[in-house]
Amino acid sequence: MTNLFDYLNWGAIAIAALAYFVVGALWYSPLLFVKKWLAYLNIDPNAPDAKKGMAVMFGGSLIMMIVQAIAIAILAERLGIRGDGWMSGLKLGALTGCCFCATTIGINYFYEKKPIGLFLINAGYAVVGNIIAGVIICTWY
């Protein structure tokens, strides 16, 4: 009996998850959205406890990005688009990012009464991260 996930390209999954993580480092940096993101959340980065638990946050985030990359790889395989190139990856990433990630964030934000700007930052990151993961997975055969 073969392993359930033998068909997955684990190298592509690992690189896709790492790329998603690196995009997050850029997305939530001074180059892009960190100032607005901190303001929406009322976080003072200079507070004594601001950096507490960072290893757990980063490690947990990376694990979740690996799970997302695995799911994208499974969908790519099941849809028969693995190896079809960057456009298939872009479409798959946009689909999963918009229809699963952004909508879930949006539903939570409705109930939490979070500002639309925060939604745009966080959901935008999820969509872009999924697109990048999708492109890597669908391009790397």
Protein backbone atom coordinates (compact mmCIF):
# COMPACT_ATOMS: atom_id res chain seq x y z
CA MET A 1 0.00 0.00 0.00
CA THR A 2 1.36 3.39 -0.94
CA ASN A 3 1.44 6.37 1.34
CA LEU A 4 -1.56 8.65 1.06
CA PHE A 5 0.64 11.65 0.26
CA ASP A 6 3.33 10.04 -1.94
CA TYR A 7 2.32 12.18 -4.90
CA LEU A 8 3.08 15.47 -3.13
CA ASN A 9 6.19 17.41 -4.04
CA TRP A 10 7.54 18.06 -0.54
CA GLY A 11 10.32 20.31 -1.83
CA ALA A 12 7.80 22.58 -3.53
CA ILE A 13 5.64 22.57 -0.40
CA ALA A 14 8.58 23.53 1.81
CA ILE A 15 9.69 26.35 -0.52
CA ALA A 16 6.08 27.57 -0.91
CA ALA A 17 5.62 27.72 2.88
CA LEU A 18 8.95 29.50 3.36
CA ALA A 19 8.09 31.98 0.60
CA TYR A 20 4.72 32.65 2.27
CA PHE A 21 6.58 33.27 5.54
CA VAL A 22 9.07 35.65 3.89
CA VAL A 23 6.22 37.58 2.26
CA GLY A 24 4.78 38.02 5.75
CA ALA A 25 8.07 39.44 7.00
CA LEU A 26 7.94 41.98 4.17
CA TRP A 27 4.16 42.60 4.41
CA TYR A 28 4.33 43.43 8.12
CA SER A 29 7.53 45.47 7.87
CA PRO A 30 8.16 49.22 7.75
CA LEU A 31 8.39 48.92 3.96
CA LEU A 32 4.69 48.07 3.73
CA PHE A 33 2.00 47.87 6.40
CA VAL A 34 3.44 47.53 9.92
CA LYS A 35 2.65 51.10 11.03
CA LYS A 36 -1.03 50.93 10.01
CA TRP A 37 -1.34 47.36 11.28
CA LEU A 38 0.04 48.33 14.71
CA ALA A 39 -2.22 51.38 14.81
CA TYR A 40 -5.35 49.34 13.99
CA LEU A 41 -4.49 46.90 16.78
CA ASN A 42 -3.33 49.55 19.27
CA ILE A 43 -0.04 47.75 19.76
CA ASP A 44 2.94 49.64 21.12
CA PRO A 45 6.04 47.87 19.73
CA ASN A 46 8.14 49.50 22.48
CA ALA A 47 6.05 48.08 25.32
CA PRO A 48 7.99 45.69 27.61
CA ASP A 49 5.83 42.68 26.68
CA ALA A 50 5.58 43.47 22.95
CA LYS A 51 8.11 40.85 21.92
CA LYS A 52 6.99 38.20 24.39
CA GLY A 53 6.09 34.90 22.73
CA MET A 54 7.54 35.79 19.32
CA ALA A 55 9.12 32.35 18.83
CA VAL A 56 5.75 30.65 19.37
CA MET A 57 4.04 33.11 17.00
CA PHE A 58 6.62 32.66 14.26
CA GLY A 59 6.87 28.89 14.70
CA GLY A 60 3.11 28.46 14.83
CA SER A 61 2.69 30.65 11.77
CA LEU A 62 5.21 28.63 9.81
CA ILE A 63 3.45 25.38 10.74
CA MET A 64 0.12 26.82 9.57
CA MET A 65 1.72 27.98 6.31
CA ILE A 66 3.03 24.46 5.76
CA VAL A 67 -0.51 23.14 6.26
CA GLN A 68 -1.82 25.67 3.73
CA ALA A 69 0.89 24.73 1.22
CA ILE A 70 0.02 21.04 1.65
CA ALA A 71 -3.66 21.81 1.01
CA ILE A 72 -2.79 23.84 -2.10
CA ALA A 73 -0.61 20.97 -3.34
CA ILE A 74 -3.41 18.46 -2.77
CA LEU A 75 -5.88 20.67 -4.62
CA ALA A 76 -3.43 21.20 -7.48
CA GLU A 77 -3.00 17.44 -7.82
CA ARG A 78 -6.70 16.67 -7.59
CA LEU A 79 -7.54 19.41 -10.11
CA GLY A 80 -4.84 18.10 -12.45
CA ILE A 81 -2.99 21.43 -12.60
CA ARG A 82 0.26 20.49 -10.87
CA GLY A 83 3.01 21.30 -13.33
CA ASP A 84 0.72 23.48 -15.47
CA GLY A 85 2.72 26.64 -14.75
CA TRP A 86 2.45 29.93 -12.98
CA MET A 87 -0.98 30.98 -14.31
CA SER A 88 -2.64 27.87 -12.88
CA GLY A 89 -0.87 28.53 -9.58
CA LEU A 90 -1.98 32.15 -9.59
CA LYS A 91 -5.60 31.13 -10.18
CA LEU A 92 -5.51 28.40 -7.53
CA GLY A 93 -3.82 30.70 -5.02
CA ALA A 94 -6.32 33.49 -5.70
CA LEU A 95 -9.21 31.05 -5.32
CA THR A 96 -8.00 29.61 -2.03
CA GLY A 97 -6.81 32.97 -0.72
CA CYS A 98 -10.02 34.84 -1.53
CA CYS A 99 -12.60 32.11 -0.97
CA PHE A 100 -11.18 30.42 2.11
CA CYS A 101 -8.71 32.71 3.88
CA ALA A 102 -10.09 36.20 3.24
CA THR A 103 -13.70 35.18 3.81
CA THR A 104 -12.84 33.51 7.13
CA ILE A 105 -10.92 36.59 8.25
CA GLY A 106 -13.83 38.78 7.11
CA ILE A 107 -16.46 36.76 8.97
CA ASN A 108 -14.43 36.98 12.17
CA TYR A 109 -13.86 40.71 11.71
CA PHE A 110 -17.59 41.37 11.29
CA TYR A 111 -18.26 39.90 14.73
CA GLU A 112 -15.15 41.41 16.29
CA LYS A 113 -16.03 44.81 14.76
CA LYS A 114 -12.52 45.24 13.39
CA PRO A 115 -11.81 48.05 10.93
CA ILE A 116 -11.93 47.41 7.18
CA GLY A 117 -8.34 48.61 6.87
CA LEU A 118 -7.15 45.83 9.15
CA PHE A 119 -9.14 43.35 7.08
CA LEU A 120 -7.51 44.62 3.89
CA ILE A 121 -4.03 44.25 5.37
CA ASN A 122 -4.51 40.78 6.84
CA ALA A 123 -6.71 39.32 4.10
CA GLY A 124 -4.47 40.87 1.46
CA TYR A 125 -1.50 39.06 2.97
CA ALA A 126 -3.40 35.76 2.96
CA VAL A 127 -4.38 36.16 -0.68
CA VAL A 128 -0.87 37.15 -1.81
CA GLY A 129 0.68 34.35 0.27
CA ASN A 130 -1.66 31.77 -1.24
CA ILE A 131 -0.95 33.06 -4.74
CA ILE A 132 2.80 32.78 -4.22
CA ALA A 133 2.43 29.29 -2.74
CA GLY A 134 0.15 28.28 -5.62
CA VAL A 135 2.58 29.57 -8.24
CA ILE A 136 5.50 27.70 -6.67
CA ILE A 137 3.55 24.47 -6.32
CA CYS A 138 1.99 24.54 -9.80
CA THR A 139 5.23 25.57 -11.49
CA TRP A 140 7.58 23.14 -9.74
CA TYR A 141 6.74 19.69 -11.03
